[in-house]
Amino acid sequence: MAASAGASRPKGPWTAEEIERQRRAERAQVDRDRARGIETNLKEAAALARFMNRFAEAFRDARRSA
């Protein structure tokens, strides 16, 4: 599935329009994060870190038993 999704993406350097669209998207994300506040962003970052640690531990255990 990943191969088919990647096949439809153009190769090569980004166009000026793509660069501008990406900058607008990044700016919008920064604005949304700022509006949510530091406490909310830190809580979500901590939750994501805990999830990633659990995922890594599960993967490590699965790899050992295979």
N, C-alpha and C. Protein backbone atom coordinates (compact mmCIF):
# COMPACT_ATOMS: atom_id res chain seq x y z
N MET A 1 0.82 -1.19 0.00
CA MET A 1 0.00 0.00 0.00
C MET A 1 0.87 1.26 0.00
N ALA A 2 1.92 1.25 0.77
CA ALA A 2 2.78 2.42 0.83
C ALA A 2 3.44 2.69 -0.52
N ALA A 3 3.76 1.63 -1.24
CA ALA A 3 4.40 1.82 -2.53
C ALA A 3 3.44 2.49 -3.51
N SER A 4 2.18 2.09 -3.48
CA SER A 4 1.23 2.70 -4.41
C SER A 4 0.96 4.16 -4.05
N ALA A 5 0.94 4.48 -2.77
CA ALA A 5 0.72 5.87 -2.35
C ALA A 5 1.90 6.75 -2.76
N GLY A 6 3.10 6.22 -2.64
CA GLY A 6 4.29 6.98 -3.00
C GLY A 6 4.45 7.14 -4.50
N ALA A 7 3.90 6.20 -5.27
CA ALA A 7 4.06 6.24 -6.72
C ALA A 7 3.32 7.43 -7.34
N SER A 8 2.25 7.89 -6.70
CA SER A 8 1.48 8.99 -7.27
C SER A 8 2.09 10.36 -6.97
N ARG A 9 3.05 10.41 -6.09
CA ARG A 9 3.68 11.69 -5.75
C ARG A 9 4.75 12.03 -6.78
N PRO A 10 4.79 13.27 -7.22
CA PRO A 10 5.81 13.66 -8.21
C PRO A 10 7.20 13.66 -7.59
N LYS A 11 8.16 13.35 -8.39
CA LYS A 11 9.55 13.37 -7.95
C LYS A 11 10.17 14.70 -8.34
N GLY A 12 11.26 15.04 -7.68
CA GLY A 12 11.96 16.25 -8.07
C GLY A 12 11.72 17.39 -7.11
N PRO A 13 12.28 18.54 -7.41
CA PRO A 13 12.16 19.69 -6.51
C PRO A 13 10.72 20.21 -6.43
N TRP A 14 10.41 20.81 -5.30
CA TRP A 14 9.09 21.40 -5.09
C TRP A 14 8.93 22.65 -5.95
N THR A 15 7.70 22.88 -6.37
CA THR A 15 7.41 24.11 -7.10
C THR A 15 7.23 25.25 -6.10
N ALA A 16 7.25 26.46 -6.59
CA ALA A 16 7.04 27.62 -5.71
C ALA A 16 5.66 27.55 -5.04
N GLU A 17 4.67 27.07 -5.78
CA GLU A 17 3.32 26.93 -5.21
C GLU A 17 3.29 25.91 -4.08
N GLU A 18 3.98 24.79 -4.25
CA GLU A 18 4.04 23.76 -3.20
C GLU A 18 4.75 24.28 -1.96
N ILE A 19 5.83 25.02 -2.17
CA ILE A 19 6.58 25.58 -1.05
C ILE A 19 5.70 26.55 -0.27
N GLU A 20 4.99 27.41 -0.97
CA GLU A 20 4.12 28.39 -0.31
C GLU A 20 2.98 27.69 0.43
N ARG A 21 2.40 26.66 -0.17
CA ARG A 21 1.33 25.91 0.48
C ARG A 21 1.84 25.25 1.76
N GLN A 22 3.03 24.69 1.71
CA GLN A 22 3.63 24.05 2.89
C GLN A 22 3.90 25.09 3.98
N ARG A 23 4.40 26.25 3.61
CA ARG A 23 4.64 27.31 4.60
C ARG A 23 3.35 27.76 5.27
N ARG A 24 2.28 27.91 4.46
CA ARG A 24 0.98 28.30 5.04
C ARG A 24 0.46 27.23 6.00
N ALA A 25 0.63 25.96 5.63
CA ALA A 25 0.17 24.86 6.49
C ALA A 25 0.96 24.84 7.80
N GLU A 26 2.27 25.04 7.72
CA GLU A 26 3.10 25.06 8.93
C GLU A 26 2.71 26.24 9.83
N ARG A 27 2.49 27.39 9.22
CA ARG A 27 2.11 28.59 9.98
C ARG A 27 0.76 28.37 10.67
N ALA A 28 -0.18 27.75 9.96
CA ALA A 28 -1.50 27.46 10.55
C ALA A 28 -1.36 26.51 11.73
N GLN A 29 -0.46 25.51 11.62
CA GLN A 29 -0.26 24.57 12.73
C GLN A 29 0.34 25.30 13.93
N VAL A 30 1.29 26.18 13.71
CA VAL A 30 1.88 26.96 14.80
C VAL A 30 0.81 27.81 15.48
N ASP A 31 -0.04 28.43 14.68
CA ASP A 31 -1.11 29.26 15.25
C ASP A 31 -2.09 28.42 16.07
N ARG A 32 -2.44 27.22 15.57
CA ARG A 32 -3.35 26.34 16.33
C ARG A 32 -2.70 25.90 17.64
N ASP A 33 -1.42 25.55 17.59
CA ASP A 33 -0.72 25.13 18.81
C ASP A 33 -0.65 26.27 19.82
N ARG A 34 -0.36 27.47 19.33
CA ARG A 34 -0.29 28.62 20.22
C ARG A 34 -1.64 28.89 20.87
N ALA A 35 -2.72 28.76 20.11
CA ALA A 35 -4.06 29.01 20.64
C ALA A 35 -4.45 27.98 21.68
N ARG A 36 -3.98 26.75 21.53
CA ARG A 36 -4.33 25.71 22.51
C ARG A 36 -3.63 25.91 23.84
N GLY A 37 -2.47 26.48 23.82
CA GLY A 37 -1.75 26.76 25.04
C GLY A 37 -0.65 25.76 25.35
N ILE A 38 0.28 26.20 26.17
CA ILE A 38 1.45 25.39 26.51
C ILE A 38 1.07 24.13 27.25
N GLU A 39 0.19 24.26 28.23
CA GLU A 39 -0.16 23.10 29.06
C GLU A 39 -0.75 21.97 28.21
N THR A 40 -1.66 22.29 27.33
CA THR A 40 -2.28 21.29 26.46
C THR A 40 -1.24 20.65 25.55
N ASN A 41 -0.38 21.47 24.97
CA ASN A 41 0.64 20.95 24.08
C ASN A 41 1.61 20.03 24.82
N LEU A 42 1.99 20.40 26.04
CA LEU A 42 2.89 19.55 26.83
C LEU A 42 2.23 18.23 27.21
N LYS A 43 0.95 18.28 27.58
CA LYS A 43 0.24 17.05 27.92
C LYS A 43 0.19 16.11 26.71
N GLU A 44 -0.11 16.66 25.54
CA GLU A 44 -0.17 15.83 24.34
C GLU A 44 1.20 15.28 23.97
N ALA A 45 2.24 16.07 24.14
CA ALA A 45 3.59 15.61 23.84
C ALA A 45 3.99 14.48 24.79
N ALA A 46 3.65 14.62 26.07
CA ALA A 46 3.96 13.57 27.05
C ALA A 46 3.18 12.30 26.73
N ALA A 47 1.92 12.43 26.36
CA ALA A 47 1.12 11.25 26.01
C ALA A 47 1.70 10.56 24.78
N LEU A 48 2.13 11.32 23.80
CA LEU A 48 2.72 10.74 22.61
C LEU A 48 4.03 10.02 22.95
N ALA A 49 4.84 10.62 23.81
CA ALA A 49 6.10 9.98 24.21
C ALA A 49 5.83 8.66 24.93
N ARG A 50 4.82 8.64 25.82
CA ARG A 50 4.48 7.39 26.51
C ARG A 50 4.02 6.33 25.51
N PHE A 51 3.19 6.73 24.55
CA PHE A 51 2.73 5.79 23.53
C PHE A 51 3.92 5.24 22.74
N MET A 52 4.82 6.11 22.31
CA MET A 52 5.97 5.67 21.52
C MET A 52 6.84 4.71 22.31
N ASN A 53 7.02 4.97 23.60
CA ASN A 53 7.81 4.06 24.43
C ASN A 53 7.14 2.70 24.54
N ARG A 54 5.81 2.67 24.76
CA ARG A 54 5.10 1.40 24.83
C ARG A 54 5.17 0.65 23.50
N PHE A 55 5.03 1.37 22.41
CA PHE A 55 5.11 0.77 21.09
C PHE A 55 6.50 0.16 20.86
N ALA A 56 7.53 0.91 21.21
CA ALA A 56 8.91 0.41 21.03
C ALA A 56 9.15 -0.83 21.89
N GLU A 57 8.65 -0.83 23.11
CA GLU A 57 8.81 -2.00 23.98
C GLU A 57 8.09 -3.21 23.40
N ALA A 58 6.88 -3.02 22.89
CA ALA A 58 6.11 -4.12 22.31
C ALA A 58 6.82 -4.66 21.07
N PHE A 59 7.35 -3.78 20.25
CA PHE A 59 8.05 -4.19 19.05
C PHE A 59 9.32 -4.95 19.42
N ARG A 60 10.02 -4.46 20.41
CA ARG A 60 11.26 -5.11 20.86
C ARG A 60 10.93 -6.52 21.36
N ASP A 61 9.87 -6.66 22.15
CA ASP A 61 9.48 -7.97 22.67
C ASP A 61 9.04 -8.90 21.54
N ALA A 62 8.30 -8.39 20.59
CA ALA A 62 7.84 -9.20 19.46
C ALA A 62 9.03 -9.67 18.61
N ARG A 63 10.01 -8.81 18.44
CA ARG A 63 11.17 -9.16 17.64
C ARG A 63 11.99 -10.26 18.32
N ARG A 64 12.06 -10.22 19.66
CA ARG A 64 12.81 -11.23 20.40
C ARG A 64 12.15 -12.61 20.30
N SER A 65 10.82 -12.64 20.29
CA SER A 65 10.12 -13.92 20.28
C SER A 65 10.00 -14.51 18.88
N ALA A 66 10.31 -13.72 17.86
CA ALA A 66 10.17 -14.23 16.48
C ALA A 66 11.35 -15.06 16.06
